Amino acid sequence: MYKFIRSECPEYLALCWESLTAQHRQAKENNPKHKFDWYAGFKYGTTLDILFTMNVGHCAFCDGGGIGEQSRKTIEHFKPKSLFPDLAYKWENLYPCCDQCQSQKRERFDPDLLIADDIAYQFDGYFMLDYRTGAIEPSAAVDSNHQRRAQVTIEHYGLNLPERKRGRLRELQHYQRRDKDVSQLDDFSYRYFLQDYTD
């Protein structure tokens, strides 16, 4: 998870998110089997683009880049809409996400989950990296509460699945071969894995 700054809520969403929430709640009351809908007023495509622009095209959880080319772009409800229906359309609960992170987390939630736009969040305050295996681990240099939050986050988003670890190592190789005069860190996936690497 690479720290980012959340942009202001788009004006159109600020004006309608509460009415969209009420519409969704009413639909659920009328039919408990009603499936969630991104109503027209939400402007799904526009909102998706704003969220991904906010994090320079990266997933807010694994920090994979190239979303839309290598993985489907999705909008993740940090607090699941099934458990927190009043937050289903609220800007602060919506995150740019790859489909792999979303399918790993599903509708689970733990209050200890970390999120990278939290003002106090710093990667090194929770995690450490293994450049031999590509793994992300809870930092040994922090207290047990921080370690638990790191572990919960790793587990909920599947951040240490074998393909994720391989992907980080592969991206590190690409990063080492980059044209330093042209390439920027934001051009790569897993920026937290690359930012402190000295070659």
N, C-alpha and C. Protein backbone atom coordinates (compact mmCIF):
# COMPACT_ATOMS: atom_id res chain seq x y z
N MET A 1 0.85 -1.18 0.00
CA MET A 1 0.00 0.00 0.00
C MET A 1 0.89 1.24 0.00
N TYR A 2 0.72 2.01 -1.04
CA TYR A 2 1.53 3.20 -1.22
C TYR A 2 0.69 4.42 -0.86
N LYS A 3 1.20 5.24 0.02
CA LYS A 3 0.42 6.38 0.52
C LYS A 3 0.00 7.31 -0.62
N PHE A 4 -1.25 7.76 -0.55
CA PHE A 4 -1.73 8.75 -1.50
C PHE A 4 -2.65 9.73 -0.79
N ILE A 5 -2.92 10.84 -1.43
CA ILE A 5 -3.78 11.88 -0.86
C ILE A 5 -5.11 11.86 -1.59
N ARG A 6 -6.18 11.72 -0.84
CA ARG A 6 -7.52 11.69 -1.44
C ARG A 6 -7.91 13.09 -1.92
N SER A 7 -8.44 13.13 -3.12
CA SER A 7 -8.92 14.41 -3.66
C SER A 7 -10.29 14.72 -3.07
N GLU A 8 -10.71 15.96 -3.25
CA GLU A 8 -12.03 16.37 -2.77
C GLU A 8 -13.13 15.59 -3.48
N CYS A 9 -14.22 15.38 -2.79
CA CYS A 9 -15.37 14.70 -3.39
C CYS A 9 -15.85 15.50 -4.60
N PRO A 10 -16.06 14.83 -5.74
CA PRO A 10 -16.60 15.55 -6.90
C PRO A 10 -17.94 16.20 -6.55
N GLU A 11 -18.17 17.38 -7.09
CA GLU A 11 -19.37 18.13 -6.73
C GLU A 11 -20.65 17.35 -7.02
N TYR A 12 -20.70 16.68 -8.18
CA TYR A 12 -21.91 15.94 -8.53
C TYR A 12 -22.21 14.84 -7.51
N LEU A 13 -21.16 14.22 -6.97
CA LEU A 13 -21.37 13.15 -5.99
C LEU A 13 -21.73 13.72 -4.62
N ALA A 14 -21.11 14.83 -4.27
CA ALA A 14 -21.46 15.49 -2.99
C ALA A 14 -22.93 15.86 -2.96
N LEU A 15 -23.48 16.20 -4.13
CA LEU A 15 -24.88 16.62 -4.20
C LEU A 15 -25.86 15.46 -4.20
N CYS A 16 -25.40 14.25 -4.56
CA CYS A 16 -26.38 13.17 -4.73
C CYS A 16 -26.13 11.91 -3.91
N TRP A 17 -24.98 11.77 -3.22
CA TRP A 17 -24.69 10.48 -2.60
C TRP A 17 -25.72 10.09 -1.55
N GLU A 18 -26.24 11.06 -0.81
CA GLU A 18 -27.23 10.73 0.22
C GLU A 18 -28.55 10.28 -0.40
N SER A 19 -28.95 10.91 -1.49
CA SER A 19 -30.19 10.48 -2.15
C SER A 19 -30.01 9.11 -2.81
N LEU A 20 -28.82 8.84 -3.34
CA LEU A 20 -28.55 7.51 -3.91
C LEU A 20 -28.60 6.45 -2.81
N THR A 21 -28.07 6.79 -1.65
CA THR A 21 -28.11 5.87 -0.51
C THR A 21 -29.55 5.59 -0.12
N ALA A 22 -30.37 6.62 -0.04
CA ALA A 22 -31.79 6.45 0.31
C ALA A 22 -32.50 5.59 -0.73
N GLN A 23 -32.18 5.81 -2.00
CA GLN A 23 -32.78 5.03 -3.08
C GLN A 23 -32.41 3.55 -2.95
N HIS A 24 -31.15 3.30 -2.64
CA HIS A 24 -30.67 1.92 -2.46
C HIS A 24 -31.35 1.26 -1.26
N ARG A 25 -31.43 1.97 -0.16
CA ARG A 25 -32.06 1.41 1.05
C ARG A 25 -33.54 1.11 0.79
N GLN A 26 -34.22 1.99 0.08
CA GLN A 26 -35.63 1.77 -0.23
C GLN A 26 -35.80 0.54 -1.13
N ALA A 27 -34.93 0.40 -2.10
CA ALA A 27 -34.99 -0.76 -3.00
C ALA A 27 -34.78 -2.06 -2.22
N LYS A 28 -33.87 -2.04 -1.24
CA LYS A 28 -33.62 -3.23 -0.41
C LYS A 28 -34.82 -3.53 0.49
N GLU A 29 -35.46 -2.50 1.00
CA GLU A 29 -36.65 -2.71 1.83
C GLU A 29 -37.78 -3.30 1.00
N ASN A 30 -37.93 -2.82 -0.23
CA ASN A 30 -38.99 -3.32 -1.10
C ASN A 30 -38.72 -4.74 -1.57
N ASN A 31 -37.44 -5.06 -1.76
CA ASN A 31 -37.05 -6.39 -2.24
C ASN A 31 -35.70 -6.76 -1.62
N PRO A 32 -35.70 -7.59 -0.57
CA PRO A 32 -34.44 -7.95 0.09
C PRO A 32 -33.40 -8.57 -0.84
N LYS A 33 -33.83 -9.09 -2.00
CA LYS A 33 -32.89 -9.69 -2.96
C LYS A 33 -32.36 -8.68 -3.97
N HIS A 34 -32.75 -7.42 -3.80
CA HIS A 34 -32.29 -6.37 -4.72
C HIS A 34 -30.77 -6.32 -4.74
N LYS A 35 -30.20 -6.32 -5.94
CA LYS A 35 -28.74 -6.25 -6.08
C LYS A 35 -28.31 -4.79 -6.15
N PHE A 36 -27.15 -4.53 -5.60
CA PHE A 36 -26.60 -3.18 -5.58
C PHE A 36 -26.47 -2.64 -6.99
N ASP A 37 -26.71 -1.35 -7.15
CA ASP A 37 -26.65 -0.70 -8.45
C ASP A 37 -25.91 0.63 -8.33
N TRP A 38 -25.01 0.87 -9.28
CA TRP A 38 -24.40 2.20 -9.38
C TRP A 38 -25.38 3.04 -10.19
N TYR A 39 -26.26 3.75 -9.53
CA TYR A 39 -27.28 4.53 -10.22
C TYR A 39 -26.65 5.58 -11.12
N ALA A 40 -27.43 6.03 -12.12
CA ALA A 40 -26.93 6.97 -13.13
C ALA A 40 -26.31 8.22 -12.51
N GLY A 41 -26.90 8.74 -11.44
CA GLY A 41 -26.38 9.94 -10.80
C GLY A 41 -24.98 9.77 -10.24
N PHE A 42 -24.58 8.53 -9.99
CA PHE A 42 -23.25 8.24 -9.47
C PHE A 42 -22.17 8.50 -10.53
N LYS A 43 -22.56 8.41 -11.80
CA LYS A 43 -21.63 8.60 -12.93
C LYS A 43 -20.43 7.65 -12.77
N TYR A 44 -20.73 6.37 -12.86
CA TYR A 44 -19.73 5.34 -12.57
C TYR A 44 -18.42 5.56 -13.33
N GLY A 45 -18.49 5.72 -14.65
CA GLY A 45 -17.27 5.86 -15.44
C GLY A 45 -16.45 7.07 -15.03
N THR A 46 -17.11 8.18 -14.80
CA THR A 46 -16.42 9.40 -14.38
C THR A 46 -15.80 9.23 -13.00
N THR A 47 -16.57 8.64 -12.08
CA THR A 47 -16.07 8.43 -10.71
C THR A 47 -14.89 7.47 -10.71
N LEU A 48 -14.98 6.41 -11.50
CA LEU A 48 -13.87 5.46 -11.62
C LEU A 48 -12.61 6.17 -12.11
N ASP A 49 -12.75 7.00 -13.13
CA ASP A 49 -11.59 7.74 -13.66
C ASP A 49 -10.99 8.68 -12.62
N ILE A 50 -11.83 9.36 -11.87
CA ILE A 50 -11.34 10.29 -10.84
C ILE A 50 -10.58 9.52 -9.76
N LEU A 51 -11.12 8.39 -9.33
CA LEU A 51 -10.46 7.59 -8.30
C LEU A 51 -9.10 7.09 -8.77
N PHE A 52 -9.02 6.60 -10.01
CA PHE A 52 -7.73 6.10 -10.50
C PHE A 52 -6.75 7.23 -10.77
N THR A 53 -7.23 8.38 -11.18
CA THR A 53 -6.34 9.53 -11.35
C THR A 53 -5.75 9.95 -10.01
N MET A 54 -6.57 9.87 -8.97
CA MET A 54 -6.15 10.25 -7.62
C MET A 54 -4.93 9.43 -7.17
N ASN A 55 -4.85 8.17 -7.60
CA ASN A 55 -3.73 7.31 -7.20
C ASN A 55 -2.86 6.94 -8.40
N VAL A 56 -2.77 7.83 -9.36
CA VAL A 56 -1.90 7.72 -10.52
C VAL A 56 -2.05 6.36 -11.21
N GLY A 57 -3.28 5.87 -11.33
CA GLY A 57 -3.55 4.64 -12.05
C GLY A 57 -3.24 3.36 -11.30
N HIS A 58 -2.99 3.46 -10.01
CA HIS A 58 -2.63 2.28 -9.21
C HIS A 58 -3.79 1.84 -8.32
N CYS A 59 -3.80 0.55 -8.01
CA CYS A 59 -4.74 0.01 -7.03
C CYS A 59 -4.37 0.55 -5.65
N ALA A 60 -5.36 0.95 -4.87
CA ALA A 60 -5.11 1.52 -3.55
C ALA A 60 -4.60 0.50 -2.54
N PHE A 61 -4.67 -0.78 -2.87
CA PHE A 61 -4.34 -1.82 -1.89
C PHE A 61 -3.04 -2.56 -2.23
N CYS A 62 -2.93 -3.12 -3.42
CA CYS A 62 -1.69 -3.81 -3.79
C CYS A 62 -0.71 -2.87 -4.48
N ASP A 63 -1.18 -1.72 -4.95
CA ASP A 63 -0.41 -0.74 -5.69
C ASP A 63 -0.01 -1.24 -7.07
N GLY A 64 -0.74 -2.22 -7.59
CA GLY A 64 -0.51 -2.64 -8.97
C GLY A 64 -0.85 -1.50 -9.91
N GLY A 65 -0.02 -1.32 -10.92
CA GLY A 65 -0.28 -0.31 -11.94
C GLY A 65 -0.81 -0.98 -13.20
N GLY A 66 -1.01 -0.20 -14.23
CA GLY A 66 -1.52 -0.77 -15.48
C GLY A 66 -2.91 -1.34 -15.34
N ILE A 67 -3.66 -0.87 -14.34
CA ILE A 67 -5.02 -1.38 -14.15
C ILE A 67 -5.84 -0.97 -15.36
N GLY A 68 -6.58 -1.91 -15.89
CA GLY A 68 -7.31 -1.68 -17.12
C GLY A 68 -6.62 -2.37 -18.29
N GLU A 69 -5.30 -2.56 -18.18
CA GLU A 69 -4.54 -3.30 -19.19
C GLU A 69 -4.34 -4.74 -18.71
N GLN A 70 -3.87 -4.88 -17.47
CA GLN A 70 -3.55 -6.20 -16.92
C GLN A 70 -4.64 -6.72 -16.00
N SER A 71 -5.47 -5.86 -15.51
CA SER A 71 -6.49 -6.22 -14.54
C SER A 71 -7.66 -5.26 -14.72
N ARG A 72 -8.85 -5.71 -14.36
CA ARG A 72 -10.04 -4.88 -14.52
C ARG A 72 -10.06 -3.79 -13.45
N LYS A 73 -10.40 -2.57 -13.85
CA LYS A 73 -10.58 -1.46 -12.90
C LYS A 73 -11.90 -1.66 -12.16
N THR A 74 -11.86 -1.51 -10.86
CA THR A 74 -13.09 -1.59 -10.07
C THR A 74 -13.09 -0.49 -9.01
N ILE A 75 -14.25 -0.29 -8.43
CA ILE A 75 -14.38 0.61 -7.28
C ILE A 75 -14.62 -0.27 -6.06
N GLU A 76 -13.77 -0.13 -5.08
CA GLU A 76 -13.86 -0.92 -3.85
C GLU A 76 -14.52 -0.10 -2.75
N HIS A 77 -15.47 -0.73 -2.08
CA HIS A 77 -16.03 -0.16 -0.84
C HIS A 77 -15.12 -0.63 0.29
N PHE A 78 -14.34 0.27 0.87
CA PHE A 78 -13.46 -0.12 1.96
C PHE A 78 -14.27 -0.77 3.08
N LYS A 79 -15.32 -0.09 3.50
CA LYS A 79 -16.29 -0.70 4.41
C LYS A 79 -17.40 -1.27 3.54
N PRO A 80 -17.58 -2.59 3.54
CA PRO A 80 -18.48 -3.23 2.57
C PRO A 80 -19.90 -2.69 2.62
N LYS A 81 -20.47 -2.55 1.44
CA LYS A 81 -21.83 -2.01 1.32
C LYS A 81 -22.86 -2.90 1.99
N SER A 82 -22.58 -4.21 2.08
CA SER A 82 -23.52 -5.12 2.74
C SER A 82 -23.56 -4.89 4.25
N LEU A 83 -22.46 -4.44 4.82
CA LEU A 83 -22.37 -4.19 6.27
C LEU A 83 -22.58 -2.72 6.62
N PHE A 84 -22.25 -1.84 5.69
CA PHE A 84 -22.34 -0.40 5.92
C PHE A 84 -23.10 0.25 4.76
N PRO A 85 -24.40 -0.05 4.63
CA PRO A 85 -25.15 0.47 3.47
C PRO A 85 -25.19 1.99 3.40
N ASP A 86 -25.07 2.67 4.53
CA ASP A 86 -25.10 4.13 4.51
C ASP A 86 -23.84 4.74 3.89
N LEU A 87 -22.82 3.92 3.67
CA LEU A 87 -21.57 4.41 3.09
C LEU A 87 -21.39 3.96 1.64
N ALA A 88 -22.41 3.34 1.07
CA ALA A 88 -22.29 2.72 -0.25
C ALA A 88 -21.90 3.70 -1.35
N TYR A 89 -22.31 4.94 -1.24
CA TYR A 89 -22.01 5.94 -2.28
C TYR A 89 -21.17 7.09 -1.74
N LYS A 90 -20.71 6.96 -0.51
CA LYS A 90 -19.94 8.05 0.12
C LYS A 90 -18.50 8.05 -0.41
N TRP A 91 -18.06 9.20 -0.85
CA TRP A 91 -16.76 9.36 -1.50
C TRP A 91 -15.62 8.78 -0.66
N GLU A 92 -15.61 9.06 0.62
CA GLU A 92 -14.50 8.64 1.49
C GLU A 92 -14.42 7.13 1.67
N ASN A 93 -15.44 6.39 1.25
CA ASN A 93 -15.44 4.93 1.37
C ASN A 93 -15.13 4.24 0.04
N LEU A 94 -14.85 5.00 -0.99
CA LEU A 94 -14.65 4.45 -2.34
C LEU A 94 -13.18 4.54 -2.73
N TYR A 95 -12.65 3.43 -3.27
CA TYR A 95 -11.22 3.35 -3.59
C TYR A 95 -10.99 2.73 -4.96
N PRO A 96 -9.93 3.19 -5.65
CA PRO A 96 -9.55 2.54 -6.90
C PRO A 96 -8.95 1.17 -6.58
N CYS A 97 -9.38 0.16 -7.30
CA CYS A 97 -9.00 -1.20 -6.92
C CYS A 97 -8.88 -2.09 -8.14
N CYS A 98 -7.96 -3.04 -8.08
CA CYS A 98 -7.88 -4.07 -9.12
C CYS A 98 -8.87 -5.18 -8.76
N ASP A 99 -9.25 -5.97 -9.75
CA ASP A 99 -10.24 -7.00 -9.46
C ASP A 99 -9.68 -8.11 -8.57
N GLN A 100 -8.35 -8.31 -8.56
CA GLN A 100 -7.80 -9.35 -7.69
C GLN A 100 -7.93 -8.96 -6.22
N CYS A 101 -7.60 -7.72 -5.88
CA CYS A 101 -7.76 -7.29 -4.48
C CYS A 101 -9.23 -7.35 -4.08
N GLN A 102 -10.11 -6.91 -4.98
CA GLN A 102 -11.53 -6.91 -4.65
C GLN A 102 -12.05 -8.34 -4.46
N SER A 103 -11.62 -9.27 -5.31
CA SER A 103 -12.11 -10.64 -5.17
C SER A 103 -11.51 -11.33 -3.94
N GLN A 104 -10.35 -10.90 -3.49
CA GLN A 104 -9.76 -11.46 -2.26
C GLN A 104 -10.52 -10.97 -1.03
N LYS A 105 -10.82 -9.69 -0.99
CA LYS A 105 -11.46 -9.12 0.20
C LYS A 105 -12.95 -9.44 0.28
N ARG A 106 -13.62 -9.41 -0.88
CA ARG A 106 -15.07 -9.63 -0.95
C ARG A 106 -15.79 -8.68 0.00
N GLU A 107 -16.67 -9.22 0.84
CA GLU A 107 -17.48 -8.38 1.74
C GLU A 107 -16.96 -8.43 3.18
N ARG A 108 -15.70 -8.80 3.34
CA ARG A 108 -15.13 -8.87 4.69
C ARG A 108 -14.68 -7.49 5.15
N PHE A 109 -14.66 -7.34 6.46
CA PHE A 109 -14.13 -6.10 7.04
C PHE A 109 -13.59 -6.38 8.42
N ASP A 110 -12.53 -5.70 8.75
CA ASP A 110 -11.94 -5.74 10.08
C ASP A 110 -11.55 -4.30 10.41
N PRO A 111 -11.93 -3.80 11.57
CA PRO A 111 -11.59 -2.40 11.89
C PRO A 111 -10.09 -2.13 11.93
N ASP A 112 -9.28 -3.18 11.97
CA ASP A 112 -7.83 -2.98 11.96
C ASP A 112 -7.25 -2.85 10.55
N LEU A 113 -8.06 -3.02 9.53
CA LEU A 113 -7.57 -2.87 8.15
C LEU A 113 -6.93 -1.50 7.95
N LEU A 114 -5.81 -1.49 7.28
CA LEU A 114 -5.13 -0.23 6.95
C LEU A 114 -5.63 0.31 5.62
N ILE A 115 -5.54 1.62 5.48
CA ILE A 115 -5.85 2.24 4.20
C ILE A 115 -4.83 3.35 3.95
N ALA A 116 -4.36 3.44 2.72
CA ALA A 116 -3.21 4.28 2.41
C ALA A 116 -3.49 5.77 2.31
N ASP A 117 -4.77 6.19 2.37
CA ASP A 117 -5.02 7.63 2.37
C ASP A 117 -5.28 8.17 3.78
N ASP A 118 -5.11 7.31 4.78
CA ASP A 118 -5.19 7.77 6.17
C ASP A 118 -4.01 8.72 6.42
N ILE A 119 -4.28 9.85 7.02
CA ILE A 119 -3.24 10.86 7.23
C ILE A 119 -2.04 10.29 7.99
N ALA A 120 -2.29 9.41 8.95
CA ALA A 120 -1.20 8.87 9.78
C ALA A 120 -0.48 7.69 9.13
N TYR A 121 -0.99 7.17 8.03
CA TYR A 121 -0.41 5.96 7.44
C TYR A 121 0.96 6.23 6.82
N GLN A 122 1.92 5.37 7.17
CA GLN A 122 3.23 5.32 6.53
C GLN A 122 3.58 3.85 6.35
N PHE A 123 3.98 3.45 5.17
CA PHE A 123 4.27 2.05 4.88
C PHE A 123 5.23 1.45 5.90
N ASP A 124 6.33 2.15 6.16
CA ASP A 124 7.36 1.62 7.08
C ASP A 124 6.89 1.54 8.52
N GLY A 125 5.79 2.18 8.85
CA GLY A 125 5.24 2.09 10.19
C GLY A 125 4.48 0.80 10.44
N TYR A 126 4.34 -0.03 9.40
CA TYR A 126 3.59 -1.29 9.53
C TYR A 126 4.26 -2.48 8.86
N PHE A 127 4.94 -2.25 7.76
CA PHE A 127 5.41 -3.35 6.93
C PHE A 127 6.93 -3.35 6.76
N MET A 128 7.45 -4.52 6.42
CA MET A 128 8.82 -4.64 5.95
C MET A 128 8.79 -5.53 4.71
N LEU A 129 9.85 -5.47 3.92
CA LEU A 129 9.89 -6.15 2.63
C LEU A 129 10.99 -7.19 2.60
N ASP A 130 10.73 -8.27 1.89
CA ASP A 130 11.74 -9.30 1.68
C ASP A 130 12.08 -9.29 0.19
N TYR A 131 13.23 -8.75 -0.16
CA TYR A 131 13.62 -8.63 -1.56
C TYR A 131 14.08 -9.96 -2.15
N ARG A 132 14.23 -10.98 -1.33
CA ARG A 132 14.57 -12.31 -1.85
C ARG A 132 13.34 -13.04 -2.34
N THR A 133 12.23 -12.89 -1.61
CA THR A 133 11.01 -13.65 -1.92
C THR A 133 9.90 -12.80 -2.53
N GLY A 134 10.00 -11.48 -2.39
CA GLY A 134 8.93 -10.60 -2.86
C GLY A 134 7.82 -10.42 -1.85
N ALA A 135 7.98 -10.95 -0.65
CA ALA A 135 6.92 -10.90 0.37
C ALA A 135 6.88 -9.55 1.07
N ILE A 136 5.68 -9.23 1.57
CA ILE A 136 5.46 -8.11 2.47
C ILE A 136 5.15 -8.73 3.82
N GLU A 137 5.79 -8.28 4.86
CA GLU A 137 5.57 -8.85 6.19
C GLU A 137 5.30 -7.73 7.19
N PRO A 138 4.62 -8.04 8.29
CA PRO A 138 4.52 -7.05 9.37
C PRO A 138 5.92 -6.69 9.86
N SER A 139 6.16 -5.44 10.09
CA SER A 139 7.48 -4.99 10.52
C SER A 139 7.81 -5.52 11.91
N ALA A 140 9.04 -5.98 12.06
CA ALA A 140 9.51 -6.43 13.37
C ALA A 140 9.86 -5.25 14.27
N ALA A 141 9.91 -4.05 13.70
CA ALA A 141 10.35 -2.87 14.45
C ALA A 141 9.19 -2.07 15.05
N VAL A 142 7.96 -2.60 14.96
CA VAL A 142 6.81 -1.86 15.47
C VAL A 142 6.08 -2.69 16.53
N ASP A 143 5.15 -2.06 17.23
CA ASP A 143 4.44 -2.75 18.31
C ASP A 143 3.46 -3.79 17.76
N SER A 144 2.93 -4.61 18.66
CA SER A 144 2.06 -5.72 18.27
C SER A 144 0.76 -5.25 17.61
N ASN A 145 0.26 -4.08 18.01
CA ASN A 145 -0.95 -3.54 17.38
C ASN A 145 -0.70 -3.23 15.91
N HIS A 146 0.42 -2.57 15.63
CA HIS A 146 0.77 -2.26 14.24
C HIS A 146 1.02 -3.54 13.44
N GLN A 147 1.65 -4.52 14.08
CA GLN A 147 1.90 -5.80 13.40
C GLN A 147 0.58 -6.50 13.06
N ARG A 148 -0.36 -6.47 14.00
CA ARG A 148 -1.66 -7.09 13.73
C ARG A 148 -2.37 -6.39 12.57
N ARG A 149 -2.35 -5.07 12.56
CA ARG A 149 -3.00 -4.33 11.48
C ARG A 149 -2.37 -4.66 10.13
N ALA A 150 -1.05 -4.78 10.12
CA ALA A 150 -0.37 -5.16 8.88
C ALA A 150 -0.79 -6.56 8.44
N GLN A 151 -0.83 -7.50 9.37
CA GLN A 151 -1.18 -8.88 9.03
C GLN A 151 -2.62 -8.99 8.53
N VAL A 152 -3.53 -8.29 9.17
CA VAL A 152 -4.94 -8.28 8.74
C VAL A 152 -5.04 -7.75 7.31
N THR A 153 -4.31 -6.69 7.01
CA THR A 153 -4.35 -6.09 5.68
C THR A 153 -3.77 -7.03 4.63
N ILE A 154 -2.65 -7.66 4.95
CA ILE A 154 -2.04 -8.63 4.04
C ILE A 154 -3.01 -9.77 3.73
N GLU A 155 -3.66 -10.28 4.76
CA GLU A 155 -4.58 -11.41 4.58
C GLU A 155 -5.83 -11.01 3.82
N HIS A 156 -6.44 -9.88 4.17
CA HIS A 156 -7.70 -9.48 3.52
C HIS A 156 -7.54 -9.24 2.02
N TYR A 157 -6.42 -8.69 1.61
CA TYR A 157 -6.22 -8.36 0.20
C TYR A 157 -5.33 -9.37 -0.53
N GLY A 158 -4.95 -10.44 0.13
CA GLY A 158 -4.15 -11.47 -0.53
C GLY A 158 -2.82 -10.93 -1.03
N LEU A 159 -2.19 -10.06 -0.25
CA LEU A 159 -0.99 -9.39 -0.72
C LEU A 159 0.23 -10.29 -0.82
N ASN A 160 0.17 -11.48 -0.21
CA ASN A 160 1.30 -12.40 -0.31
C ASN A 160 0.96 -13.67 -1.07
N LEU A 161 -0.05 -13.60 -1.93
CA LEU A 161 -0.30 -14.74 -2.81
C LEU A 161 0.94 -14.96 -3.67
N PRO A 162 1.23 -16.20 -4.05
CA PRO A 162 2.46 -16.47 -4.82
C PRO A 162 2.61 -15.59 -6.05
N GLU A 163 1.52 -15.36 -6.79
CA GLU A 163 1.64 -14.53 -8.00
C GLU A 163 1.94 -13.08 -7.67
N ARG A 164 1.51 -12.63 -6.50
CA ARG A 164 1.82 -11.25 -6.10
C ARG A 164 3.31 -11.11 -5.79
N LYS A 165 3.85 -12.07 -5.07
CA LYS A 165 5.28 -12.02 -4.74
C LYS A 165 6.13 -12.10 -6.01
N ARG A 166 5.75 -12.98 -6.92
CA ARG A 166 6.48 -13.08 -8.19
C ARG A 166 6.37 -11.77 -8.97
N GLY A 167 5.19 -11.17 -8.95
CA GLY A 167 5.00 -9.91 -9.66
C GLY A 167 5.89 -8.80 -9.12
N ARG A 168 6.07 -8.75 -7.82
CA ARG A 168 6.94 -7.71 -7.23
C ARG A 168 8.39 -7.92 -7.65
N LEU A 169 8.84 -9.17 -7.62
CA LEU A 169 10.22 -9.45 -8.02
C LEU A 169 10.43 -9.14 -9.50
N ARG A 170 9.45 -9.45 -10.32
CA ARG A 170 9.53 -9.15 -11.75
C ARG A 170 9.58 -7.63 -11.97
N GLU A 171 8.75 -6.90 -11.23
CA GLU A 171 8.72 -5.45 -11.38
C GLU A 171 10.04 -4.84 -10.91
N LEU A 172 10.65 -5.41 -9.90
CA LEU A 172 11.95 -4.94 -9.43
C LEU A 172 13.00 -5.09 -10.53
N GLN A 173 12.95 -6.19 -11.27
CA GLN A 173 13.88 -6.38 -12.39
C GLN A 173 13.67 -5.31 -13.46
N HIS A 174 12.41 -5.01 -13.76
CA HIS A 174 12.10 -3.96 -14.74
C HIS A 174 12.61 -2.61 -14.23
N TYR A 175 12.42 -2.38 -12.94
CA TYR A 175 12.85 -1.11 -12.34
C TYR A 175 14.37 -0.96 -12.40
N GLN A 176 15.09 -2.04 -12.19
CA GLN A 176 16.55 -1.99 -12.24
C GLN A 176 17.06 -1.70 -13.65
N ARG A 177 16.27 -2.09 -14.66
CA ARG A 177 16.68 -1.89 -16.06
C ARG A 177 16.12 -0.59 -16.65
N ARG A 178 15.44 0.20 -15.86
CA ARG A 178 14.76 1.39 -16.38
C ARG A 178 15.75 2.42 -16.92
N ASP A 179 15.26 3.29 -17.76
CA ASP A 179 16.01 4.46 -18.20
C ASP A 179 15.80 5.53 -17.14
N LYS A 180 16.78 5.77 -16.32
CA LYS A 180 16.64 6.68 -15.18
C LYS A 180 16.37 8.12 -15.60
N ASP A 181 16.68 8.46 -16.84
CA ASP A 181 16.42 9.82 -17.32
C ASP A 181 14.98 10.01 -17.76
N VAL A 182 14.27 8.91 -17.96
CA VAL A 182 12.91 8.99 -18.50
C VAL A 182 11.87 8.45 -17.53
N SER A 183 12.16 7.30 -16.94
CA SER A 183 11.17 6.61 -16.10
C SER A 183 11.02 7.27 -14.74
N GLN A 184 9.78 7.26 -14.26
CA GLN A 184 9.48 7.76 -12.93
C GLN A 184 8.91 6.62 -12.09
N LEU A 185 8.98 6.74 -10.79
CA LEU A 185 8.48 5.70 -9.90
C LEU A 185 7.01 5.38 -10.18
N ASP A 186 6.21 6.41 -10.48
CA ASP A 186 4.78 6.20 -10.74
C ASP A 186 4.52 5.36 -11.98
N ASP A 187 5.54 5.16 -12.82
CA ASP A 187 5.37 4.33 -14.02
C ASP A 187 5.37 2.84 -13.68
N PHE A 188 5.68 2.49 -12.44
CA PHE A 188 5.84 1.09 -12.05
C PHE A 188 4.79 0.68 -11.03
N SER A 189 4.50 -0.62 -11.03
CA SER A 189 3.66 -1.20 -9.98
C SER A 189 4.48 -1.37 -8.71
N TYR A 190 3.79 -1.51 -7.58
CA TYR A 190 4.42 -1.84 -6.29
C TYR A 190 5.48 -0.82 -5.90
N ARG A 191 5.10 0.45 -5.96
CA ARG A 191 6.05 1.52 -5.69
C ARG A 191 6.68 1.40 -4.31
N TYR A 192 5.93 0.91 -3.31
CA TYR A 192 6.49 0.73 -1.97
C TYR A 192 7.62 -0.29 -1.99
N PHE A 193 7.60 -1.21 -2.94
CA PHE A 193 8.63 -2.25 -3.04
C PHE A 193 9.88 -1.71 -3.73
N LEU A 194 9.72 -0.64 -4.47
CA LEU A 194 10.82 -0.10 -5.27
C LEU A 194 11.43 1.17 -4.69
N GLN A 195 10.65 1.96 -3.94
CA GLN A 195 11.05 3.33 -3.59
C GLN A 195 12.35 3.42 -2.80
N ASP A 196 12.62 2.45 -1.96
CA ASP A 196 13.84 2.53 -1.14
C ASP A 196 14.95 1.62 -1.66
N TYR A 197 14.69 0.98 -2.79
CA TYR A 197 15.67 0.04 -3.32
C TYR A 197 16.80 0.82 -3.98
N THR A 198 18.01 0.56 -3.57
CA THR A 198 19.16 1.23 -4.17
C THR A 198 19.88 0.23 -5.07
N ASP A 199 20.09 0.64 -6.30
CA ASP A 199 20.78 -0.27 -7.23
C ASP A 199 22.07 0.35 -7.71
